[in-house]
Amino acid sequence: QVQLVESGGGLVQPGGSLRLSCAASGSIFKIDAMGWYRQAPGKDRELVALMPNTGVTNYADSVKGRFTISRNNAKNMVYLQMNSLKPEDTAVYYCNSKDYTLGVGYWGQGTQVTVSS
């Protein structure tokens, strides 16, 4: 089991920035990838960014050039730096970890990001 706790959400004006953080604990040695998803009201949950232990980091087209995912493996943390935020970025953002061997994923509780003037 992996436990994930997000922080850093809030209200920001269009064009502003936020940095989300996610702390991982538990069976972290089994993590093969970590990432961020988001779910806006009335919409399905969607991938924002996914960073595997090795290989290419993937971003949703809608956030490329604006969002950056990073990991600090020594601290078991993953971050999402969000710049040039738009109202359409408003959503609950979820941290996710993946165990490819078992084919399972774990979720944090989510953190609300609201972009509004």
C-alpha atoms as a PDB file:
ATOM      1  CA  GLN A   1       0.000   0.000   0.000  1.00  0.00           C
ATOM      2  CA  VAL A   2       1.067   3.551  -0.752  1.00  0.00           C
ATOM      3  CA  GLN A   3      -0.385   6.554   0.998  1.00  0.00           C
ATOM      4  CA  LEU A   4      -0.417   9.908  -0.789  1.00  0.00           C
ATOM      5  CA  VAL A   5      -1.171  13.315   0.717  1.00  0.00           C
ATOM      6  CA  GLU A   6      -1.514  16.399  -1.476  1.00  0.00           C
ATOM      7  CA  SER A   7      -1.156  20.035  -0.477  1.00  0.00           C
ATOM      8  CA  GLY A   8      -0.842  23.433  -2.107  1.00  0.00           C
ATOM      9  CA  GLY A   9      -4.194  23.997  -3.767  1.00  0.00           C
ATOM     10  CA  GLY A  10      -6.135  27.220  -3.527  1.00  0.00           C
ATOM     11  CA  LEU A  11      -7.620  30.180  -5.330  1.00  0.00           C
ATOM     12  CA  VAL A  12      -5.500  32.006  -7.873  1.00  0.00           C
ATOM     13  CA  GLN A  13      -6.182  34.627 -10.518  1.00  0.00           C
ATOM     14  CA  PRO A  14      -5.828  33.830 -14.216  1.00  0.00           C
ATOM     15  CA  GLY A  15      -2.190  34.045 -15.232  1.00  0.00           C
ATOM     16  CA  GLY A  16      -1.034  33.182 -11.742  1.00  0.00           C
ATOM     17  CA  SER A  17       0.965  30.240 -10.425  1.00  0.00           C
ATOM     18  CA  LEU A  18       0.558  27.492  -7.866  1.00  0.00           C
ATOM     19  CA  ARG A  19       2.750  24.634  -6.741  1.00  0.00           C
ATOM     20  CA  LEU A  20       1.162  21.386  -5.643  1.00  0.00           C
ATOM     21  CA  SER A  21       3.012  18.918  -3.452  1.00  0.00           C
ATOM     22  CA  CYS A  22       2.388  15.252  -2.757  1.00  0.00           C
ATOM     23  CA  ALA A  23       4.030  13.241   0.001  1.00  0.00           C
ATOM     24  CA  ALA A  24       4.247   9.476  -0.447  1.00  0.00           C
ATOM     25  CA  SER A  25       4.605   6.921   2.332  1.00  0.00           C
ATOM     26  CA  GLY A  26       4.203   3.186   2.776  1.00  0.00           C
ATOM     27  CA  SER A  27       5.469   0.750   0.143  1.00  0.00           C
ATOM     28  CA  ILE A  28       7.258   3.438  -1.824  1.00  0.00           C
ATOM     29  CA  PHE A  29       9.857   0.988  -3.115  1.00  0.00           C
ATOM     30  CA  LYS A  30       7.110  -0.461  -5.319  1.00  0.00           C
ATOM     31  CA  ILE A  31       6.336   2.832  -7.060  1.00  0.00           C
ATOM     32  CA  ASP A  32       7.099   2.769 -10.788  1.00  0.00           C
ATOM     33  CA  ALA A  33       5.630   6.138 -11.680  1.00  0.00           C
ATOM     34  CA  MET A  34       4.048   9.140 -10.037  1.00  0.00           C
ATOM     35  CA  GLY A  35       1.788  11.713 -11.522  1.00  0.00           C
ATOM     36  CA  TRP A  36      -1.051  14.159 -11.272  1.00  0.00           C
ATOM     37  CA  TYR A  37      -4.608  13.876 -12.516  1.00  0.00           C
ATOM     38  CA  ARG A  38      -7.474  16.345 -12.301  1.00  0.00           C
ATOM     39  CA  GLN A  39     -11.241  16.247 -12.343  1.00  0.00           C
ATOM     40  CA  ALA A  40     -13.390  19.239 -13.138  1.00  0.00           C
ATOM     41  CA  PRO A  41     -17.099  19.351 -12.213  1.00  0.00           C
ATOM     42  CA  GLY A  42     -19.118  17.190 -14.561  1.00  0.00           C
ATOM     43  CA  LYS A  43     -16.054  15.819 -16.308  1.00  0.00           C
ATOM     44  CA  ASP A  44     -14.026  12.631 -16.169  1.00  0.00           C
ATOM     45  CA  ARG A  45     -10.740  12.481 -14.325  1.00  0.00           C
ATOM     46  CA  GLU A  46      -7.892  13.175 -16.731  1.00  0.00           C
ATOM     47  CA  LEU A  47      -4.141  12.814 -16.756  1.00  0.00           C
ATOM     48  CA  VAL A  48      -2.192  16.031 -16.238  1.00  0.00           C
ATOM     49  CA  ALA A  49       1.373  14.721 -16.001  1.00  0.00           C
ATOM     50  CA  LEU A  50       3.034  11.374 -15.367  1.00  0.00           C
ATOM     51  CA  MET A  51       6.689  10.836 -14.501  1.00  0.00           C
ATOM     52  CA  PRO A  52       7.954   7.228 -14.539  1.00  0.00           C
ATOM     53  CA  ASN A  53      11.079   6.144 -12.632  1.00  0.00           C
ATOM     54  CA  THR A  54      12.753   5.791 -16.022  1.00  0.00           C
ATOM     55  CA  GLY A  55      11.603   6.983 -19.397  1.00  0.00           C
ATOM     56  CA  VAL A  56       9.706   9.916 -20.775  1.00  0.00           C
ATOM     57  CA  THR A  57       7.488  12.205 -18.768  1.00  0.00           C
ATOM     58  CA  ASN A  58       4.066  12.722 -20.308  1.00  0.00           C
ATOM     59  CA  TYR A  59       1.938  15.852 -20.167  1.00  0.00           C
ATOM     60  CA  ALA A  60      -1.581  16.535 -21.297  1.00  0.00           C
ATOM     61  CA  ASP A  61      -1.540  18.746 -24.387  1.00  0.00           C
ATOM     62  CA  SER A  62      -3.570  21.353 -22.529  1.00  0.00           C
ATOM     63  CA  VAL A  63      -0.812  21.921 -19.950  1.00  0.00           C
ATOM     64  CA  LYS A  64       2.344  21.518 -22.014  1.00  0.00           C
ATOM     65  CA  GLY A  65       4.629  24.502 -21.606  1.00  0.00           C
ATOM     66  CA  ARG A  66       2.757  25.706 -18.527  1.00  0.00           C
ATOM     67  CA  PHE A  67       2.983  22.871 -15.992  1.00  0.00           C
ATOM     68  CA  THR A  68       6.072  21.026 -14.809  1.00  0.00           C
ATOM     69  CA  ILE A  69       6.150  17.831 -12.787  1.00  0.00           C
ATOM     70  CA  SER A  70       9.147  16.983 -10.644  1.00  0.00           C
ATOM     71  CA  ARG A  71      10.117  14.393  -8.053  1.00  0.00           C
ATOM     72  CA  ASN A  72      12.386  14.376  -5.044  1.00  0.00           C
ATOM     73  CA  ASN A  73      12.935  10.675  -4.453  1.00  0.00           C
ATOM     74  CA  ALA A  74      15.031  11.293  -1.333  1.00  0.00           C
ATOM     75  CA  LYS A  75      12.015  12.950   0.282  1.00  0.00           C
ATOM     76  CA  ASN A  76       9.381  10.757  -1.413  1.00  0.00           C
ATOM     77  CA  MET A  77       7.758  13.847  -2.863  1.00  0.00           C
ATOM     78  CA  VAL A  78       6.250  14.775  -6.218  1.00  0.00           C
ATOM     79  CA  TYR A  79       5.423  18.315  -7.242  1.00  0.00           C
ATOM     80  CA  LEU A  80       3.392  20.062  -9.908  1.00  0.00           C
ATOM     81  CA  GLN A  81       4.430  23.603 -10.748  1.00  0.00           C
ATOM     82  CA  MET A  82       1.549  25.299 -12.520  1.00  0.00           C
ATOM     83  CA  ASN A  83       2.169  28.590 -14.328  1.00  0.00           C
ATOM     84  CA  SER A  84       0.007  30.788 -16.560  1.00  0.00           C
ATOM     85  CA  LEU A  85      -3.085  29.279 -15.000  1.00  0.00           C
ATOM     86  CA  LYS A  86      -6.387  29.504 -16.847  1.00  0.00           C
ATOM     87  CA  PRO A  87      -9.975  29.239 -15.605  1.00  0.00           C
ATOM     88  CA  GLU A  88     -10.230  25.901 -17.401  1.00  0.00           C
ATOM     89  CA  ASP A  89      -7.512  24.535 -15.099  1.00  0.00           C
ATOM     90  CA  THR A  90     -10.018  24.698 -12.246  1.00  0.00           C
ATOM     91  CA  ALA A  91     -10.420  21.189 -10.865  1.00  0.00           C
ATOM     92  CA  VAL A  92      -9.633  18.879  -8.010  1.00  0.00           C
ATOM     93  CA  TYR A  93      -6.070  17.685  -8.516  1.00  0.00           C
ATOM     94  CA  TYR A  94      -5.132  14.173  -7.434  1.00  0.00           C
ATOM     95  CA  CYS A  95      -1.717  12.695  -6.843  1.00  0.00           C
ATOM     96  CA  ASN A  96      -1.293   9.170  -8.203  1.00  0.00           C
ATOM     97  CA  SER A  97       1.313   6.442  -7.920  1.00  0.00           C
ATOM     98  CA  LYS A  98       1.547   3.356 -10.083  1.00  0.00           C
ATOM     99  CA  ASP A  99       2.821  -0.160  -9.422  1.00  0.00           C
ATOM    100  CA  TYR A 100       3.227  -1.720 -12.870  1.00  0.00           C
ATOM    101  CA  THR A 101       4.092  -5.142 -11.462  1.00  0.00           C
ATOM    102  CA  LEU A 102       0.816  -5.508  -9.627  1.00  0.00           C
ATOM    103  CA  GLY A 103      -1.107  -3.302 -12.031  1.00  0.00           C
ATOM    104  CA  VAL A 104      -2.456  -1.091  -9.265  1.00  0.00           C
ATOM    105  CA  GLY A 105      -2.539   2.599  -8.586  1.00  0.00           C
ATOM    106  CA  TYR A 106      -3.026   4.666  -5.476  1.00  0.00           C
ATOM    107  CA  TRP A 107      -4.698   8.046  -5.062  1.00  0.00           C
ATOM    108  CA  GLY A 108      -4.448  10.949  -2.709  1.00  0.00           C
ATOM    109  CA  GLN A 109      -7.506  12.689  -1.325  1.00  0.00           C
ATOM    110  CA  GLY A 110      -7.287  15.537  -3.825  1.00  0.00           C
ATOM    111  CA  THR A 111      -6.691  19.262  -3.536  1.00  0.00           C
ATOM    112  CA  GLN A 112      -8.904  21.953  -5.041  1.00  0.00           C
ATOM    113  CA  VAL A 113      -7.437  24.431  -7.514  1.00  0.00           C
ATOM    114  CA  THR A 114      -9.660  27.330  -8.520  1.00  0.00           C
ATOM    115  CA  VAL A 115      -8.589  29.834 -11.149  1.00  0.00           C
ATOM    116  CA  SER A 116     -10.840  32.862 -11.093  1.00  0.00           C
ATOM    117  CA  SER A 117     -10.728  36.621 -11.010  1.00  0.00           C
END
